[in-house]
Amino acid sequence: MSTCDASILGDVRAARMAMETDTRALLLKAAAVVLTEEGPSALTVRRVAERVNASTKMIYTHFGGKDGLLEALYLHSFAGLTEAFKAQNEESDPVLRLDKMVCAYRTFALSEPALYNVMFGDLGRAWEAPIESRKQAWTSFETLRDTVRLCMSPAQAAEAGRITYLLWAAMHGVVSLELRKLIGGPDGGEHLYQLAAAAVRQAHQVGQ
């Protein structure tokens, strides 16, 4: 095979992989929207395929069936949160980085409500993630925990895990209320969100 032929073959393979990645992302997004808009009982291979005008064979090809689709959807949703956290790692000051991560959590939840619902909402009523998938999903919070630890004194560092859970509980609680329109308006939601996160940080002297 000539160098030119090898190059063309490599380009074809790269294009095919990119297309497969895009197709998977499209199917996962459709599944998340079906779950959010129509509920767990509607989340079937056929309904997801209909949503994107595709064949059910496409879903079986990419995910092996409904359980594979749901597991991929679960992991895909947490991967989005992980990326949102890691995008803040360019900030060298851990206190400012934590500020940005707190903001990033709310931004992700509000900009991707269907994925957030997969992570913490209706999917749990339709399907239970395998233990290994749950462990993988919860690594999303390792980046947040590591930053929390850097914002604490050496004597406090052992408490970083517990305090990260407290901070997450505060953030999740306000965002969940906001997504369900149980607190007033984006400005009110953002103010309450920042107050809740600040209260946890102040109570445990995180970044003080």
N, C-alpha and C. Protein backbone atom coordinates (compact mmCIF):
# COMPACT_ATOMS: atom_id res chain seq x y z
N MET A 1 0.84 -1.20 0.00
CA MET A 1 0.00 0.00 0.00
C MET A 1 0.88 1.25 0.00
N SER A 2 0.59 2.18 -0.90
CA SER A 2 1.39 3.39 -0.99
C SER A 2 1.08 4.32 0.17
N THR A 3 1.96 5.29 0.38
CA THR A 3 1.76 6.27 1.44
C THR A 3 0.47 7.05 1.22
N CYS A 4 0.17 7.36 -0.04
CA CYS A 4 -1.05 8.09 -0.38
C CYS A 4 -2.28 7.27 -0.06
N ASP A 5 -2.26 5.98 -0.43
CA ASP A 5 -3.40 5.10 -0.14
C ASP A 5 -3.62 4.97 1.36
N ALA A 6 -2.52 4.84 2.11
CA ALA A 6 -2.63 4.71 3.57
C ALA A 6 -3.23 5.97 4.18
N SER A 7 -2.85 7.11 3.62
CA SER A 7 -3.38 8.37 4.12
C SER A 7 -4.87 8.48 3.86
N ILE A 8 -5.28 8.09 2.65
CA ILE A 8 -6.72 8.12 2.30
C ILE A 8 -7.51 7.18 3.19
N LEU A 9 -6.95 5.98 3.41
CA LEU A 9 -7.62 5.00 4.26
C LEU A 9 -7.76 5.54 5.69
N GLY A 10 -6.71 6.19 6.17
CA GLY A 10 -6.76 6.77 7.50
C GLY A 10 -7.82 7.85 7.60
N ASP A 11 -7.96 8.67 6.57
CA ASP A 11 -8.97 9.73 6.55
C ASP A 11 -10.38 9.13 6.55
N VAL A 12 -10.55 8.06 5.77
CA VAL A 12 -11.87 7.40 5.71
C VAL A 12 -12.24 6.83 7.08
N ARG A 13 -11.28 6.19 7.74
CA ARG A 13 -11.54 5.62 9.07
C ARG A 13 -11.86 6.72 10.09
N ALA A 14 -11.13 7.82 10.02
CA ALA A 14 -11.37 8.94 10.94
C ALA A 14 -12.76 9.52 10.72
N ALA A 15 -13.14 9.66 9.45
CA ALA A 15 -14.47 10.21 9.13
C ALA A 15 -15.56 9.27 9.62
N ARG A 16 -15.33 7.95 9.46
CA ARG A 16 -16.32 6.97 9.90
C ARG A 16 -16.47 7.00 11.42
N MET A 17 -15.34 7.10 12.13
CA MET A 17 -15.39 7.16 13.59
C MET A 17 -16.11 8.41 14.06
N ALA A 18 -15.84 9.53 13.39
CA ALA A 18 -16.51 10.78 13.75
C ALA A 18 -18.01 10.68 13.52
N MET A 19 -18.40 10.03 12.43
CA MET A 19 -19.82 9.86 12.14
C MET A 19 -20.49 8.97 13.18
N GLU A 20 -19.80 7.91 13.57
CA GLU A 20 -20.35 7.01 14.59
C GLU A 20 -20.50 7.73 15.93
N THR A 21 -19.51 8.57 16.27
CA THR A 21 -19.58 9.34 17.52
C THR A 21 -20.75 10.29 17.48
N ASP A 22 -20.94 10.97 16.37
CA ASP A 22 -22.05 11.92 16.22
C ASP A 22 -23.39 11.20 16.29
N THR A 23 -23.46 10.02 15.68
CA THR A 23 -24.71 9.24 15.69
C THR A 23 -25.06 8.81 17.11
N ARG A 24 -24.07 8.33 17.85
CA ARG A 24 -24.30 7.93 19.24
C ARG A 24 -24.79 9.12 20.07
N ALA A 25 -24.14 10.27 19.88
CA ALA A 25 -24.53 11.46 20.64
C ALA A 25 -25.96 11.87 20.30
N LEU A 26 -26.33 11.78 19.03
CA LEU A 26 -27.69 12.12 18.60
C LEU A 26 -28.72 11.19 19.23
N LEU A 27 -28.43 9.91 19.25
CA LEU A 27 -29.35 8.93 19.83
C LEU A 27 -29.47 9.11 21.34
N LEU A 28 -28.36 9.40 22.00
CA LEU A 28 -28.40 9.61 23.45
C LEU A 28 -29.18 10.87 23.81
N LYS A 29 -28.99 11.92 23.04
CA LYS A 29 -29.75 13.15 23.28
C LYS A 29 -31.24 12.91 23.09
N ALA A 30 -31.59 12.15 22.05
CA ALA A 30 -32.99 11.84 21.80
C ALA A 30 -33.58 11.03 22.96
N ALA A 31 -32.81 10.07 23.46
CA ALA A 31 -33.28 9.27 24.59
C ALA A 31 -33.51 10.13 25.82
N ALA A 32 -32.60 11.08 26.08
CA ALA A 32 -32.75 11.96 27.23
C ALA A 32 -34.00 12.82 27.10
N VAL A 33 -34.28 13.31 25.90
CA VAL A 33 -35.46 14.15 25.68
C VAL A 33 -36.73 13.34 25.84
N VAL A 34 -36.75 12.12 25.31
CA VAL A 34 -37.93 11.25 25.48
C VAL A 34 -38.21 11.02 26.96
N LEU A 35 -37.16 10.72 27.71
CA LEU A 35 -37.32 10.47 29.15
C LEU A 35 -37.90 11.69 29.84
N THR A 36 -37.39 12.87 29.54
CA THR A 36 -37.81 14.08 30.21
C THR A 36 -39.22 14.51 29.80
N GLU A 37 -39.51 14.43 28.51
CA GLU A 37 -40.79 14.94 28.01
C GLU A 37 -41.92 13.93 28.12
N GLU A 38 -41.60 12.63 28.05
CA GLU A 38 -42.66 11.63 27.98
C GLU A 38 -42.65 10.64 29.13
N GLY A 39 -41.58 10.64 29.94
CA GLY A 39 -41.54 9.77 31.10
C GLY A 39 -40.87 8.43 30.84
N PRO A 40 -40.56 7.71 31.93
CA PRO A 40 -39.83 6.44 31.82
C PRO A 40 -40.51 5.38 30.97
N SER A 41 -41.83 5.32 31.02
CA SER A 41 -42.54 4.27 30.28
C SER A 41 -42.40 4.43 28.77
N ALA A 42 -42.13 5.65 28.32
CA ALA A 42 -41.98 5.91 26.88
C ALA A 42 -40.58 5.65 26.37
N LEU A 43 -39.65 5.41 27.28
CA LEU A 43 -38.24 5.27 26.87
C LEU A 43 -37.99 3.85 26.35
N THR A 44 -38.35 3.65 25.10
CA THR A 44 -38.14 2.37 24.43
C THR A 44 -37.24 2.57 23.22
N VAL A 45 -36.67 1.48 22.73
CA VAL A 45 -35.82 1.55 21.55
C VAL A 45 -36.60 2.12 20.37
N ARG A 46 -37.82 1.68 20.19
CA ARG A 46 -38.63 2.15 19.08
C ARG A 46 -38.92 3.64 19.17
N ARG A 47 -39.26 4.12 20.38
CA ARG A 47 -39.60 5.54 20.54
C ARG A 47 -38.39 6.42 20.30
N VAL A 48 -37.23 6.01 20.78
CA VAL A 48 -36.02 6.80 20.56
C VAL A 48 -35.69 6.84 19.07
N ALA A 49 -35.82 5.71 18.39
CA ALA A 49 -35.55 5.66 16.95
C ALA A 49 -36.51 6.59 16.20
N GLU A 50 -37.77 6.57 16.58
CA GLU A 50 -38.75 7.45 15.94
C GLU A 50 -38.39 8.91 16.12
N ARG A 51 -37.84 9.23 17.27
CA ARG A 51 -37.52 10.62 17.60
C ARG A 51 -36.52 11.22 16.61
N VAL A 52 -35.63 10.40 16.08
CA VAL A 52 -34.60 10.90 15.16
C VAL A 52 -34.78 10.33 13.75
N ASN A 53 -35.97 9.76 13.49
CA ASN A 53 -36.27 9.19 12.18
C ASN A 53 -35.23 8.15 11.76
N ALA A 54 -34.88 7.29 12.72
CA ALA A 54 -33.91 6.24 12.45
C ALA A 54 -34.58 4.87 12.62
N SER A 55 -33.86 3.84 12.26
CA SER A 55 -34.36 2.48 12.46
C SER A 55 -33.94 1.98 13.84
N THR A 56 -34.71 1.04 14.37
CA THR A 56 -34.32 0.46 15.65
C THR A 56 -33.00 -0.30 15.51
N LYS A 57 -32.70 -0.77 14.30
CA LYS A 57 -31.44 -1.49 14.06
C LYS A 57 -30.24 -0.61 14.40
N MET A 58 -30.37 0.70 14.15
CA MET A 58 -29.27 1.61 14.44
C MET A 58 -28.95 1.62 15.93
N ILE A 59 -29.99 1.59 16.76
CA ILE A 59 -29.78 1.59 18.21
C ILE A 59 -29.17 0.26 18.65
N TYR A 60 -29.65 -0.83 18.09
CA TYR A 60 -29.07 -2.13 18.44
C TYR A 60 -27.61 -2.22 17.99
N THR A 61 -27.30 -1.60 16.86
CA THR A 61 -25.92 -1.61 16.36
C THR A 61 -24.99 -0.86 17.30
N HIS A 62 -25.44 0.29 17.80
CA HIS A 62 -24.59 1.13 18.62
C HIS A 62 -24.59 0.75 20.10
N PHE A 63 -25.72 0.21 20.58
CA PHE A 63 -25.84 -0.01 22.02
C PHE A 63 -26.22 -1.44 22.41
N GLY A 64 -26.59 -2.26 21.44
CA GLY A 64 -26.93 -3.64 21.74
C GLY A 64 -28.34 -3.86 22.23
N GLY A 65 -29.10 -2.80 22.46
CA GLY A 65 -30.46 -2.91 22.96
C GLY A 65 -30.78 -1.84 23.98
N LYS A 66 -31.93 -1.99 24.62
CA LYS A 66 -32.39 -0.95 25.53
C LYS A 66 -31.48 -0.79 26.74
N ASP A 67 -31.06 -1.89 27.36
CA ASP A 67 -30.19 -1.78 28.54
C ASP A 67 -28.88 -1.10 28.19
N GLY A 68 -28.32 -1.43 27.05
CA GLY A 68 -27.09 -0.78 26.62
C GLY A 68 -27.29 0.69 26.36
N LEU A 69 -28.43 1.03 25.79
CA LEU A 69 -28.76 2.44 25.54
C LEU A 69 -28.87 3.20 26.86
N LEU A 70 -29.55 2.62 27.84
CA LEU A 70 -29.75 3.30 29.11
C LEU A 70 -28.42 3.46 29.87
N GLU A 71 -27.59 2.44 29.82
CA GLU A 71 -26.30 2.54 30.50
C GLU A 71 -25.42 3.61 29.83
N ALA A 72 -25.41 3.62 28.50
CA ALA A 72 -24.63 4.63 27.78
C ALA A 72 -25.17 6.02 28.06
N LEU A 73 -26.49 6.16 28.15
CA LEU A 73 -27.10 7.45 28.45
C LEU A 73 -26.70 7.94 29.83
N TYR A 74 -26.71 7.04 30.78
CA TYR A 74 -26.33 7.36 32.16
C TYR A 74 -24.89 7.84 32.22
N LEU A 75 -23.98 7.10 31.61
CA LEU A 75 -22.56 7.46 31.65
C LEU A 75 -22.29 8.73 30.83
N HIS A 76 -22.98 8.88 29.72
CA HIS A 76 -22.83 10.07 28.88
C HIS A 76 -23.22 11.33 29.65
N SER A 77 -24.26 11.24 30.43
CA SER A 77 -24.75 12.39 31.18
C SER A 77 -23.74 12.81 32.24
N PHE A 78 -23.20 11.86 32.99
CA PHE A 78 -22.19 12.19 33.99
C PHE A 78 -20.89 12.66 33.34
N ALA A 79 -20.57 12.14 32.17
CA ALA A 79 -19.37 12.59 31.47
C ALA A 79 -19.47 14.07 31.12
N GLY A 80 -20.69 14.53 30.81
CA GLY A 80 -20.88 15.94 30.53
C GLY A 80 -20.59 16.81 31.74
N LEU A 81 -21.00 16.35 32.91
CA LEU A 81 -20.70 17.09 34.14
C LEU A 81 -19.21 17.07 34.43
N THR A 82 -18.57 15.93 34.22
CA THR A 82 -17.12 15.84 34.42
C THR A 82 -16.39 16.85 33.55
N GLU A 83 -16.79 16.95 32.30
CA GLU A 83 -16.15 17.90 31.39
C GLU A 83 -16.38 19.34 31.86
N ALA A 84 -17.57 19.61 32.38
CA ALA A 84 -17.87 20.96 32.87
C ALA A 84 -16.97 21.32 34.05
N PHE A 85 -16.73 20.36 34.93
CA PHE A 85 -15.82 20.60 36.05
C PHE A 85 -14.37 20.76 35.57
N LYS A 86 -13.93 19.84 34.73
CA LYS A 86 -12.53 19.84 34.30
C LYS A 86 -12.19 21.08 33.47
N ALA A 87 -13.17 21.66 32.83
CA ALA A 87 -12.94 22.86 32.04
C ALA A 87 -12.46 24.03 32.90
N GLN A 88 -12.68 23.91 34.21
CA GLN A 88 -12.28 24.99 35.12
C GLN A 88 -10.85 24.80 35.65
N ASN A 89 -10.21 23.69 35.30
CA ASN A 89 -8.89 23.39 35.84
C ASN A 89 -7.80 24.33 35.36
N GLU A 90 -8.10 25.11 34.33
CA GLU A 90 -7.12 26.08 33.85
C GLU A 90 -6.89 27.20 34.85
N GLU A 91 -7.85 27.37 35.76
CA GLU A 91 -7.70 28.38 36.81
C GLU A 91 -6.73 27.84 37.86
N SER A 92 -5.61 28.52 38.04
CA SER A 92 -4.57 28.03 38.95
C SER A 92 -4.91 28.26 40.42
N ASP A 93 -5.65 29.30 40.72
CA ASP A 93 -6.03 29.59 42.10
C ASP A 93 -7.17 28.66 42.51
N PRO A 94 -6.96 27.75 43.47
CA PRO A 94 -8.00 26.77 43.82
C PRO A 94 -9.29 27.40 44.32
N VAL A 95 -9.20 28.54 45.00
CA VAL A 95 -10.42 29.18 45.50
C VAL A 95 -11.26 29.70 44.34
N LEU A 96 -10.61 30.36 43.40
CA LEU A 96 -11.32 30.85 42.22
C LEU A 96 -11.81 29.69 41.36
N ARG A 97 -11.01 28.61 41.31
CA ARG A 97 -11.42 27.44 40.54
C ARG A 97 -12.69 26.83 41.15
N LEU A 98 -12.74 26.77 42.48
CA LEU A 98 -13.93 26.23 43.12
C LEU A 98 -15.14 27.12 42.84
N ASP A 99 -14.94 28.44 42.87
CA ASP A 99 -16.02 29.36 42.51
C ASP A 99 -16.57 29.01 41.13
N LYS A 100 -15.65 28.79 40.19
CA LYS A 100 -16.05 28.50 38.81
C LYS A 100 -16.73 27.13 38.70
N MET A 101 -16.27 26.16 39.48
CA MET A 101 -16.89 24.84 39.44
C MET A 101 -18.31 24.88 39.99
N VAL A 102 -18.50 25.66 41.03
CA VAL A 102 -19.85 25.82 41.59
C VAL A 102 -20.76 26.41 40.52
N CYS A 103 -20.29 27.42 39.83
CA CYS A 103 -21.09 28.03 38.76
C CYS A 103 -21.31 27.06 37.61
N ALA A 104 -20.27 26.27 37.29
CA ALA A 104 -20.35 25.33 36.18
C ALA A 104 -21.41 24.26 36.42
N TYR A 105 -21.58 23.86 37.68
CA TYR A 105 -22.57 22.84 38.01
C TYR A 105 -23.96 23.34 37.66
N ARG A 106 -24.27 24.55 38.08
CA ARG A 106 -25.60 25.12 37.81
C ARG A 106 -25.80 25.34 36.31
N THR A 107 -24.76 25.85 35.65
CA THR A 107 -24.85 26.09 34.21
C THR A 107 -25.12 24.79 33.46
N PHE A 108 -24.43 23.72 33.85
CA PHE A 108 -24.66 22.42 33.19
C PHE A 108 -26.09 21.96 33.42
N ALA A 109 -26.56 22.05 34.63
CA ALA A 109 -27.92 21.57 34.95
C ALA A 109 -28.98 22.34 34.18
N LEU A 110 -28.82 23.65 34.09
CA LEU A 110 -29.83 24.47 33.42
C LEU A 110 -29.73 24.41 31.90
N SER A 111 -28.53 24.18 31.39
CA SER A 111 -28.37 24.12 29.94
C SER A 111 -28.63 22.72 29.38
N GLU A 112 -28.51 21.71 30.24
CA GLU A 112 -28.75 20.32 29.83
C GLU A 112 -29.76 19.66 30.78
N PRO A 113 -30.97 20.21 30.87
CA PRO A 113 -31.94 19.66 31.83
C PRO A 113 -32.30 18.20 31.57
N ALA A 114 -32.31 17.80 30.30
CA ALA A 114 -32.64 16.40 30.00
C ALA A 114 -31.56 15.47 30.53
N LEU A 115 -30.29 15.84 30.36
CA LEU A 115 -29.20 15.01 30.88
C LEU A 115 -29.20 15.02 32.41
N TYR A 116 -29.46 16.16 33.00
CA TYR A 116 -29.50 16.25 34.46
C TYR A 116 -30.63 15.37 35.00
N ASN A 117 -31.72 15.32 34.27
CA ASN A 117 -32.84 14.46 34.68
C ASN A 117 -32.46 12.99 34.59
N VAL A 118 -31.63 12.65 33.61
CA VAL A 118 -31.13 11.27 33.50
C VAL A 118 -30.32 10.91 34.74
N MET A 119 -29.47 11.83 35.17
CA MET A 119 -28.56 11.58 36.28
C MET A 119 -29.28 11.46 37.61
N PHE A 120 -30.24 12.33 37.85
CA PHE A 120 -30.82 12.43 39.19
C PHE A 120 -32.35 12.37 39.21
N GLY A 121 -32.96 12.03 38.08
CA GLY A 121 -34.41 12.09 38.02
C GLY A 121 -35.07 10.80 37.59
N ASP A 122 -35.75 10.87 36.46
CA ASP A 122 -36.67 9.81 36.05
C ASP A 122 -36.01 8.49 35.65
N LEU A 123 -34.76 8.50 35.22
CA LEU A 123 -34.15 7.25 34.77
C LEU A 123 -34.13 6.22 35.89
N GLY A 124 -33.95 6.69 37.12
CA GLY A 124 -33.91 5.78 38.27
C GLY A 124 -35.20 5.02 38.49
N ARG A 125 -36.31 5.55 37.94
CA ARG A 125 -37.59 4.84 38.07
C ARG A 125 -37.77 3.81 36.97
N ALA A 126 -36.93 3.90 35.93
CA ALA A 126 -37.08 2.99 34.80
C ALA A 126 -35.99 1.92 34.77
N TRP A 127 -34.87 2.20 35.40
CA TRP A 127 -33.70 1.33 35.25
C TRP A 127 -32.69 1.64 36.34
N GLU A 128 -32.03 0.61 36.85
CA GLU A 128 -31.00 0.80 37.87
C GLU A 128 -29.64 0.54 37.26
N ALA A 129 -28.76 1.52 37.36
CA ALA A 129 -27.42 1.39 36.79
C ALA A 129 -26.63 0.30 37.51
N PRO A 130 -25.86 -0.49 36.77
CA PRO A 130 -24.98 -1.48 37.40
C PRO A 130 -23.99 -0.79 38.33
N ILE A 131 -23.52 -1.50 39.32
CA ILE A 131 -22.65 -0.92 40.33
C ILE A 131 -21.39 -0.32 39.71
N GLU A 132 -20.80 -0.98 38.71
CA GLU A 132 -19.59 -0.46 38.09
C GLU A 132 -19.86 0.86 37.37
N SER A 133 -21.02 0.95 36.76
CA SER A 133 -21.38 2.21 36.08
C SER A 133 -21.61 3.31 37.09
N ARG A 134 -22.21 2.97 38.22
CA ARG A 134 -22.42 3.98 39.25
C ARG A 134 -21.08 4.48 39.81
N LYS A 135 -20.14 3.56 40.00
CA LYS A 135 -18.82 3.97 40.48
C LYS A 135 -18.15 4.89 39.48
N GLN A 136 -18.25 4.54 38.21
CA GLN A 136 -17.66 5.37 37.16
C GLN A 136 -18.32 6.75 37.11
N ALA A 137 -19.64 6.77 37.25
CA ALA A 137 -20.37 8.03 37.20
C ALA A 137 -19.96 8.96 38.33
N TRP A 138 -19.79 8.41 39.52
CA TRP A 138 -19.49 9.26 40.67
C TRP A 138 -18.07 9.78 40.69
N THR A 139 -17.23 9.30 39.76
CA THR A 139 -15.91 9.92 39.65
C THR A 139 -16.02 11.35 39.15
N SER A 140 -17.20 11.74 38.65
CA SER A 140 -17.43 13.12 38.24
C SER A 140 -17.09 14.10 39.36
N PHE A 141 -17.29 13.66 40.60
CA PHE A 141 -17.11 14.57 41.72
C PHE A 141 -15.68 14.56 42.27
N GLU A 142 -14.81 13.70 41.70
CA GLU A 142 -13.43 13.68 42.18
C GLU A 142 -12.72 15.00 41.89
N THR A 143 -12.98 15.58 40.72
CA THR A 143 -12.35 16.86 40.38
C THR A 143 -12.80 17.94 41.35
N LEU A 144 -14.09 17.94 41.66
CA LEU A 144 -14.62 18.91 42.61
C LEU A 144 -14.01 18.69 43.99
N ARG A 145 -13.94 17.42 44.42
CA ARG A 145 -13.38 17.09 45.73
C ARG A 145 -11.91 17.51 45.83
N ASP A 146 -11.15 17.26 44.77
CA ASP A 146 -9.73 17.62 44.80
C ASP A 146 -9.55 19.12 44.94
N THR A 147 -10.42 19.88 44.32
CA THR A 147 -10.33 21.33 44.43
C THR A 147 -10.77 21.80 45.81
N VAL A 148 -11.79 21.18 46.36
CA VAL A 148 -12.21 21.49 47.73
C VAL A 148 -11.05 21.25 48.69
N ARG A 149 -10.35 20.14 48.51
CA ARG A 149 -9.22 19.81 49.39
C ARG A 149 -8.13 20.90 49.32
N LEU A 150 -7.87 21.39 48.14
CA LEU A 150 -6.84 22.42 47.98
C LEU A 150 -7.23 23.74 48.64
N CYS A 151 -8.52 23.92 48.86
CA CYS A 151 -9.01 25.15 49.49
C CYS A 151 -9.04 25.05 51.02
N MET A 152 -8.63 23.91 51.55
CA MET A 152 -8.69 23.68 52.98
C MET A 152 -7.29 23.61 53.58
N SER A 153 -7.23 23.83 54.87
CA SER A 153 -5.95 23.70 55.56
C SER A 153 -5.56 22.23 55.63
N PRO A 154 -4.26 21.92 55.80
CA PRO A 154 -3.84 20.53 55.90
C PRO A 154 -4.58 19.76 56.99
N ALA A 155 -4.91 20.43 58.09
CA ALA A 155 -5.60 19.77 59.19
C ALA A 155 -7.03 19.39 58.80
N GLN A 156 -7.61 20.11 57.85
CA GLN A 156 -8.99 19.85 57.43
C GLN A 156 -9.08 18.90 56.25
N ALA A 157 -7.97 18.68 55.56
CA ALA A 157 -8.00 18.00 54.27
C ALA A 157 -8.70 16.64 54.29
N ALA A 158 -8.61 15.93 55.41
CA ALA A 158 -9.24 14.61 55.50
C ALA A 158 -10.76 14.69 55.38
N GLU A 159 -11.31 15.88 55.61
CA GLU A 159 -12.76 16.07 55.55
C GLU A 159 -13.24 16.49 54.17
N ALA A 160 -12.33 16.56 53.20
CA ALA A 160 -12.68 17.08 51.88
C ALA A 160 -13.83 16.29 51.23
N GLY A 161 -13.80 14.97 51.37
CA GLY A 161 -14.85 14.16 50.76
C GLY A 161 -16.22 14.47 51.34
N ARG A 162 -16.30 14.52 52.66
CA ARG A 162 -17.59 14.78 53.31
C ARG A 162 -18.09 16.17 52.96
N ILE A 163 -17.21 17.14 52.95
CA ILE A 163 -17.62 18.52 52.67
C ILE A 163 -18.03 18.66 51.21
N THR A 164 -17.39 17.92 50.32
CA THR A 164 -17.80 17.95 48.92
C THR A 164 -19.23 17.44 48.77
N TYR A 165 -19.57 16.38 49.51
CA TYR A 165 -20.94 15.89 49.47
C TYR A 165 -21.93 16.92 50.01
N LEU A 166 -21.53 17.62 51.06
CA LEU A 166 -22.41 18.67 51.60
C LEU A 166 -22.60 19.79 50.58
N LEU A 167 -21.51 20.17 49.93
CA LEU A 167 -21.59 21.23 48.92
C LEU A 167 -22.45 20.78 47.75
N TRP A 168 -22.25 19.55 47.31
CA TRP A 168 -23.07 19.04 46.22
C TRP A 168 -24.54 18.99 46.61
N ALA A 169 -24.84 18.55 47.84
CA ALA A 169 -26.24 18.49 48.29
C ALA A 169 -26.89 19.87 48.23
N ALA A 170 -26.15 20.90 48.64
CA ALA A 170 -26.67 22.26 48.59
C ALA A 170 -26.91 22.70 47.15
N MET A 171 -25.96 22.44 46.28
CA MET A 171 -26.09 22.85 44.88
C MET A 171 -27.23 22.10 44.20
N HIS A 172 -27.26 20.80 44.42
CA HIS A 172 -28.29 19.97 43.79
C HIS A 172 -29.69 20.36 44.27
N GLY A 173 -29.80 20.65 45.55
CA GLY A 173 -31.11 21.00 46.09
C GLY A 173 -31.68 22.24 45.45
N VAL A 174 -30.88 23.29 45.34
CA VAL A 174 -31.38 24.54 44.76
C VAL A 174 -31.64 24.37 43.26
N VAL A 175 -30.72 23.72 42.55
CA VAL A 175 -30.90 23.53 41.11
C VAL A 175 -32.16 22.71 40.82
N SER A 176 -32.41 21.69 41.62
CA SER A 176 -33.60 20.86 41.41
C SER A 176 -34.88 21.67 41.58
N LEU A 177 -34.90 22.52 42.59
CA LEU A 177 -36.05 23.40 42.78
C LEU A 177 -36.21 24.37 41.61
N GLU A 178 -35.08 24.88 41.15
CA GLU A 178 -35.11 25.83 40.03
C GLU A 178 -35.61 25.16 38.75
N LEU A 179 -35.12 23.95 38.47
CA LEU A 179 -35.55 23.24 37.27
C LEU A 179 -37.04 22.93 37.30
N ARG A 180 -37.58 22.72 38.48
CA ARG A 180 -39.01 22.43 38.62
C ARG A 180 -39.84 23.70 38.80
N LYS A 181 -39.18 24.85 38.62
CA LYS A 181 -39.84 26.15 38.69
C LYS A 181 -40.55 26.36 40.04
N LEU A 182 -39.90 25.88 41.09
CA LEU A 182 -40.46 26.04 42.43
C LEU A 182 -39.84 27.22 43.18
N ILE A 183 -38.85 27.84 42.56
CA ILE A 183 -38.32 29.09 43.10
C ILE A 183 -38.34 30.11 41.97
N GLY A 184 -38.49 31.37 42.31
CA GLY A 184 -38.82 32.38 41.32
C GLY A 184 -37.68 32.89 40.47
N GLY A 185 -37.80 32.72 39.15
CA GLY A 185 -36.96 33.38 38.17
C GLY A 185 -35.49 33.02 38.24
N PRO A 186 -34.77 33.23 37.12
CA PRO A 186 -33.34 32.90 37.08
C PRO A 186 -32.51 33.72 38.06
N ASP A 187 -32.85 34.99 38.24
CA ASP A 187 -32.07 35.81 39.17
C ASP A 187 -32.24 35.34 40.60
N GLY A 188 -33.49 35.03 40.98
CA GLY A 188 -33.73 34.51 42.33
C GLY A 188 -33.08 33.17 42.54
N GLY A 189 -33.11 32.32 41.51
CA GLY A 189 -32.50 31.01 41.61
C GLY A 189 -30.99 31.10 41.76
N GLU A 190 -30.37 31.96 40.98
CA GLU A 190 -28.93 32.11 41.05
C GLU A 190 -28.49 32.66 42.41
N HIS A 191 -29.25 33.63 42.93
CA HIS A 191 -28.90 34.23 44.23
C HIS A 191 -29.00 33.18 45.34
N LEU A 192 -30.08 32.42 45.33
CA LEU A 192 -30.26 31.39 46.36
C LEU A 192 -29.19 30.31 46.23
N TYR A 193 -28.85 29.96 45.00
CA TYR A 193 -27.83 28.95 44.74
C TYR A 193 -26.48 29.39 45.33
N GLN A 194 -26.09 30.62 45.05
CA GLN A 194 -24.82 31.12 45.56
C GLN A 194 -24.83 31.21 47.08
N LEU A 195 -25.96 31.60 47.66
CA LEU A 195 -26.06 31.67 49.12
C LEU A 195 -25.89 30.28 49.74
N ALA A 196 -26.53 29.27 49.13
CA ALA A 196 -26.46 27.91 49.67
C ALA A 196 -25.04 27.37 49.61
N ALA A 197 -24.37 27.57 48.46
CA ALA A 197 -22.99 27.09 48.32
C ALA A 197 -22.06 27.84 49.28
N ALA A 198 -22.26 29.15 49.41
CA ALA A 198 -21.42 29.95 50.30
C ALA A 198 -21.60 29.54 51.75
N ALA A 199 -22.82 29.18 52.14
CA ALA A 199 -23.09 28.78 53.52
C ALA A 199 -22.31 27.53 53.89
N VAL A 200 -22.26 26.56 52.97
CA VAL A 200 -21.49 25.33 53.23
C VAL A 200 -20.00 25.66 53.33
N ARG A 201 -19.52 26.47 52.42
CA ARG A 201 -18.10 26.80 52.41
C ARG A 201 -17.69 27.59 53.66
N GLN A 202 -18.53 28.52 54.06
CA GLN A 202 -18.22 29.30 55.25
C GLN A 202 -18.28 28.47 56.52
N ALA A 203 -19.26 27.58 56.57
CA ALA A 203 -19.40 26.74 57.77
C ALA A 203 -18.20 25.83 57.98
N HIS A 204 -17.53 25.47 56.91
CA HIS A 204 -16.38 24.55 56.99
C HIS A 204 -15.07 25.22 56.58
N GLN A 205 -15.11 26.54 56.48
CA GLN A 205 -13.90 27.33 56.18
C GLN A 205 -13.19 26.84 54.92
N VAL A 206 -13.98 26.64 53.86
CA VAL A 206 -13.43 26.21 52.58
C VAL A 206 -13.13 27.45 51.75
N GLY A 207 -11.85 27.74 51.59
CA GLY A 207 -11.46 28.92 50.81
C GLY A 207 -11.59 30.21 51.59
N GLN A 208 -11.61 30.11 52.91
CA GLN A 208 -11.74 31.32 53.73
C GLN A 208 -10.38 31.89 54.08
